Amino acid sequence: MKQTTVTTNAPCWVELGTDDPPAARTFYTELFGWRPDSGARPEAEGYTQMFVGDAPAAAITPRYAPQQPTAWTVAFAVADAEVTASRIKAAGGKVIKEPTDVLDHGRFSVSADPSGAVFILWQPRGFKGAGVFNEPGALGWVELATRDTAGARDFYPEVFGWSVAPSEHYTQWGLNGQDFGGMLAMDDRFPPQVPPHWLPYFSVADADNTVGRAVAMGGDVLVPAVSMPGGRRTAVLRDPQGATFGIYRDATEG
């Protein structure tokens, strides 16, 4: 069963940090049909929510620190950011930014697993997270790329209570019967300078068409569109500013 709503300890949001938010907004609006939030608050410091119809789907933000990469970051909903941050430390991870209030929306924290893959904790208050999942233009899958798959299989279930369904080449994450992500072992296909990371995948109506449009707008293809067992067709792209993301079309869509 797919994730359809924000669920505690599962992916709830994704945001892009970039040097050129206006260009990124244009690219993703054209690619996914997103609509920028026209009522962004000045105190949000350039943080812009992007909508699929009337539902918030993602955010595009400036890079807030010199060391912050141009990249998408996945957020996981938690009941208590402080408690989860403590579990992260106890499991061998690192809390990069301690839990902090975000206006009246909720509390967030930035953490990394023991291999260095960065993610966000989100304790919702006024803002729950994405209002749509697994529909064209919306987040539908998250994938951890790491060189320490065994360590990740220990860390994430301890922190979030995830189920683990391993196979020879791929591990699948789930929670309460909902599959929402997976894990890919980083091998020689990944240059040594590429760090472990979480990669968001967005649902699209046509994977091949989306790849073509991304390239026409200045994006790059890192993994060409390929059909997976079960009929899902996926690709991995890089936007003109350098942020990597995945797309997919399920056999049941369209």
Protein backbone atom coordinates (compact mmCIF):
# COMPACT_ATOMS: atom_id res chain seq x y z
CA MET A 1 0.00 0.00 0.00
CA LYS A 2 1.27 3.46 -0.91
CA GLN A 3 1.55 6.41 1.43
CA THR A 4 -1.30 8.85 0.80
CA THR A 5 -1.17 11.20 3.80
CA VAL A 6 1.38 12.53 6.27
CA THR A 7 2.21 9.71 8.67
CA THR A 8 4.38 9.97 11.79
CA ASN A 9 7.89 8.59 11.14
CA ALA A 10 7.37 8.55 7.36
CA PRO A 11 8.33 11.09 4.65
CA CYS A 12 6.22 14.22 4.93
CA TRP A 13 7.95 16.94 2.92
CA VAL A 14 10.85 17.74 0.61
CA GLU A 15 12.63 21.01 -0.04
CA LEU A 16 15.26 22.28 -2.43
CA GLY A 17 18.09 24.57 -1.32
CA THR A 18 19.57 26.44 -4.28
CA ASP A 19 21.55 29.56 -5.22
CA ASP A 20 18.91 30.60 -7.76
CA PRO A 21 15.40 30.05 -6.38
CA PRO A 22 13.66 32.03 -9.17
CA ALA A 23 15.26 29.85 -11.87
CA ALA A 24 14.45 26.71 -9.90
CA ARG A 25 10.83 27.77 -9.49
CA THR A 26 10.58 28.29 -13.25
CA PHE A 27 12.16 24.91 -14.03
CA TYR A 28 10.00 22.85 -11.69
CA THR A 29 6.83 24.78 -12.51
CA GLU A 30 7.34 23.91 -16.17
CA LEU A 31 8.36 20.32 -15.42
CA PHE A 32 5.75 19.33 -12.83
CA GLY A 33 3.03 21.94 -13.23
CA TRP A 34 3.72 23.36 -9.80
CA ARG A 35 2.30 26.68 -8.66
CA PRO A 36 4.40 28.92 -6.37
CA ASP A 37 2.74 30.17 -3.20
CA SER A 38 1.64 33.72 -3.87
CA GLY A 39 1.17 34.48 -0.17
CA ALA A 40 4.65 33.71 1.17
CA ARG A 41 5.36 35.59 4.41
CA PRO A 42 8.31 38.05 4.41
CA GLU A 43 9.72 36.47 7.58
CA ALA A 44 10.08 33.18 5.67
CA GLU A 45 13.29 34.58 4.11
CA GLY A 46 12.65 33.39 0.58
CA TYR A 47 11.17 30.01 1.54
CA THR A 48 8.52 29.31 -1.11
CA GLN A 49 6.02 26.47 -1.04
CA MET A 50 5.13 24.90 -4.38
CA PHE A 51 1.63 23.53 -4.96
CA VAL A 52 0.01 20.79 -7.02
CA GLY A 53 -3.46 22.23 -7.48
CA ASP A 54 -4.44 23.43 -4.03
CA ALA A 55 -2.13 21.03 -2.16
CA PRO A 56 1.38 21.90 -0.95
CA ALA A 57 3.88 19.53 -2.56
CA ALA A 58 7.42 20.84 -1.91
CA ALA A 59 9.43 23.96 -1.17
CA ILE A 60 12.22 25.87 -2.89
CA THR A 61 14.54 27.94 -0.72
CA PRO A 62 17.81 29.86 -0.89
CA ARG A 63 20.90 28.15 0.47
CA TYR A 64 21.14 29.48 4.03
CA ALA A 65 24.78 28.54 4.76
CA PRO A 66 27.96 28.35 2.63
CA GLN A 67 28.41 24.66 3.39
CA GLN A 68 24.84 23.80 2.38
CA PRO A 69 24.85 21.97 -0.97
CA THR A 70 22.49 22.66 -3.82
CA ALA A 71 20.26 19.66 -3.17
CA TRP A 72 16.87 18.29 -2.30
CA THR A 73 16.39 17.32 1.36
CA VAL A 74 13.77 14.86 2.59
CA ALA A 75 11.84 15.52 5.84
CA PHE A 76 10.27 12.87 8.08
CA ALA A 77 7.31 13.65 10.33
CA VAL A 78 7.86 12.98 14.04
CA ALA A 79 5.70 13.29 17.13
CA ASP A 80 8.48 14.91 19.18
CA ALA A 81 11.59 16.37 17.55
CA GLU A 82 13.61 16.36 20.79
CA VAL A 83 12.88 12.71 21.52
CA THR A 84 13.72 11.66 17.96
CA ALA A 85 16.92 13.73 17.97
CA SER A 86 17.96 11.91 21.13
CA ARG A 87 17.32 8.56 19.44
CA ILE A 88 19.41 9.67 16.47
CA LYS A 89 22.36 10.44 18.74
CA ALA A 90 21.97 7.17 20.64
CA ALA A 91 21.93 5.23 17.36
CA GLY A 92 25.20 6.79 16.18
CA GLY A 93 23.81 9.60 14.02
CA LYS A 94 24.49 13.33 14.27
CA VAL A 95 22.14 16.20 15.01
CA ILE A 96 23.40 19.07 12.85
CA LYS A 97 20.76 21.56 13.99
CA GLU A 98 18.91 21.07 17.26
CA PRO A 99 15.09 21.27 17.16
CA THR A 100 13.92 24.81 16.45
CA ASP A 101 10.52 26.49 16.02
CA VAL A 102 9.55 27.58 12.50
CA LEU A 103 7.11 30.45 12.93
CA ASP A 104 3.81 28.82 13.94
CA HIS A 105 4.21 25.94 11.50
CA GLY A 106 6.09 23.40 13.64
CA ARG A 107 9.55 22.39 14.85
CA PHE A 108 12.38 21.15 12.69
CA SER A 109 15.80 19.64 13.13
CA VAL A 110 18.53 18.68 10.66
CA SER A 111 20.30 15.38 11.23
CA ALA A 112 22.57 12.88 9.50
CA ASP A 113 22.78 9.12 9.76
CA PRO A 114 26.10 7.48 10.71
CA SER A 115 27.21 7.45 7.05
CA GLY A 116 26.50 11.18 6.64
CA ALA A 117 23.19 11.15 4.73
CA VAL A 118 21.30 14.31 5.76
CA PHE A 119 17.58 14.50 6.48
CA ILE A 120 15.11 16.75 8.31
CA LEU A 121 12.84 16.00 11.25
CA TRP A 122 9.50 17.80 11.17
CA GLN A 123 7.22 18.04 14.20
CA PRO A 124 3.99 19.45 12.72
CA ARG A 125 1.90 22.17 14.29
CA GLY A 126 0.11 24.53 11.91
CA PHE A 127 1.69 22.94 8.85
CA LYS A 128 1.44 19.17 8.49
CA GLY A 129 3.55 18.71 5.37
CA ALA A 130 2.68 17.66 1.84
CA GLY A 131 -1.00 17.63 1.04
CA VAL A 132 -0.62 15.18 -1.84
CA PHE A 133 1.45 12.03 -2.42
CA ASN A 134 1.87 9.60 -5.32
CA GLU A 135 0.05 11.76 -7.84
CA PRO A 136 1.67 13.50 -10.84
CA GLY A 137 3.86 16.32 -9.56
CA ALA A 138 3.89 15.01 -6.00
CA LEU A 139 6.43 13.18 -3.88
CA GLY A 140 5.92 9.43 -4.00
CA TRP A 141 9.14 7.66 -3.08
CA VAL A 142 12.39 8.41 -1.22
CA GLU A 143 15.62 6.51 -1.69
CA LEU A 144 18.72 6.36 0.48
CA ALA A 145 22.00 5.96 -1.39
CA THR A 146 24.72 4.84 1.01
CA ARG A 147 27.96 2.90 1.19
CA ASP A 148 26.92 1.38 4.54
CA THR A 149 23.70 -0.50 3.89
CA ALA A 150 24.11 -2.73 6.94
CA GLY A 151 24.50 0.27 9.21
CA ALA A 152 21.45 1.95 7.70
CA ARG A 153 19.34 -1.18 8.25
CA ASP A 154 20.19 -0.89 11.94
CA PHE A 155 19.93 2.91 12.27
CA TYR A 156 16.61 3.80 10.63
CA PRO A 157 14.44 1.09 12.21
CA GLU A 158 15.89 2.02 15.60
CA VAL A 159 15.12 5.73 15.10
CA PHE A 160 11.82 5.56 13.18
CA GLY A 161 10.52 2.01 13.66
CA TRP A 162 10.60 1.22 9.94
CA SER A 163 10.11 -2.23 8.52
CA VAL A 164 12.90 -3.55 6.31
CA ALA A 165 12.41 -5.76 3.25
CA PRO A 166 15.89 -6.55 1.92
CA SER A 167 16.77 -8.27 -1.34
CA GLU A 168 20.06 -8.94 -3.10
CA HIS A 169 20.23 -5.51 -4.72
CA TYR A 170 17.70 -3.31 -2.96
CA THR A 171 16.18 -2.72 0.45
CA GLN A 172 12.65 -1.40 0.83
CA TRP A 173 11.45 0.73 3.75
CA GLY A 174 7.91 0.64 5.11
CA LEU A 175 5.73 1.63 8.04
CA ASN A 176 2.35 0.29 9.09
CA GLY A 177 2.02 -1.60 5.85
CA GLN A 178 2.85 1.42 3.67
CA ASP A 179 5.93 1.21 1.45
CA PHE A 180 7.44 4.64 0.97
CA GLY A 181 11.12 4.22 0.13
CA GLY A 182 14.16 2.14 -0.49
CA MET A 183 17.92 1.93 -0.18
CA LEU A 184 20.53 1.65 -2.92
CA ALA A 185 24.09 0.53 -2.26
CA MET A 186 26.57 3.08 -3.63
CA ASP A 187 29.00 1.22 -5.88
CA ASP A 188 31.48 2.22 -8.61
CA ARG A 189 28.72 4.05 -10.48
CA PHE A 190 28.95 6.76 -7.82
CA PRO A 191 32.09 8.94 -7.92
CA PRO A 192 33.99 8.92 -4.59
CA GLN A 193 33.16 12.59 -3.98
CA VAL A 194 29.39 11.93 -4.01
CA PRO A 195 28.29 11.63 -0.38
CA PRO A 196 25.54 9.36 0.94
CA HIS A 197 22.20 11.08 0.45
CA TRP A 198 18.42 10.82 0.35
CA LEU A 199 16.88 11.21 -3.11
CA PRO A 200 13.22 12.20 -3.62
CA TYR A 201 11.22 10.71 -6.49
CA PHE A 202 8.27 12.63 -7.92
CA SER A 203 5.36 10.98 -9.69
CA VAL A 204 4.82 11.94 -13.35
CA ALA A 205 2.25 11.04 -15.98
CA ASP A 206 4.90 10.10 -18.56
CA ALA A 207 8.50 9.41 -17.53
CA ASP A 208 10.02 9.60 -21.01
CA ASN A 209 8.24 12.83 -21.86
CA THR A 210 9.35 14.34 -18.53
CA VAL A 211 12.98 13.39 -19.22
CA GLY A 212 12.82 15.05 -22.62
CA ARG A 213 11.32 18.24 -21.25
CA ALA A 214 13.88 18.41 -18.42
CA VAL A 215 16.74 18.17 -20.94
CA ALA A 216 15.14 20.82 -23.17
CA MET A 217 15.10 23.19 -20.18
CA GLY A 218 18.78 22.65 -19.36
CA GLY A 219 18.61 19.64 -17.06
CA ASP A 220 20.79 16.53 -17.28
CA VAL A 221 19.96 12.83 -17.31
CA LEU A 222 21.94 10.88 -14.73
CA VAL A 223 20.02 7.61 -15.09
CA PRO A 224 17.94 7.21 -18.29
CA ALA A 225 14.34 6.09 -18.03
CA VAL A 226 14.13 2.37 -17.34
CA SER A 227 11.27 0.00 -16.61
CA MET A 228 11.39 -1.82 -13.28
CA PRO A 229 9.74 -5.09 -12.21
CA GLY A 230 6.03 -4.47 -11.83
CA GLY A 231 5.92 -1.85 -14.56
CA ARG A 232 7.22 1.22 -12.77
CA ARG A 233 9.36 3.40 -15.06
CA THR A 234 11.97 5.59 -13.38
CA ALA A 235 14.75 8.05 -14.20
CA VAL A 236 17.17 10.23 -12.25
CA LEU A 237 17.70 13.82 -13.37
CA ARG A 238 19.70 16.88 -12.39
CA ASP A 239 18.24 20.36 -12.61
CA PRO A 240 20.15 23.28 -14.19
CA GLN A 241 21.39 24.43 -10.77
CA GLY A 242 22.82 20.97 -9.95
CA ALA A 243 20.21 19.37 -7.68
CA THR A 244 19.47 15.69 -8.29
CA PHE A 245 16.00 14.15 -8.14
CA GLY A 246 14.13 11.12 -9.41
CA ILE A 247 10.91 10.70 -11.34
CA TYR A 248 8.67 7.67 -11.75
CA ARG A 249 5.50 6.55 -13.46
CA ASP A 250 3.66 3.56 -12.05
CA ALA A 251 2.06 1.02 -14.36
CA THR A 252 -1.32 1.87 -12.82
CA GLU A 253 -1.03 5.62 -13.61
CA GLY A 254 -2.13 7.45 -16.71
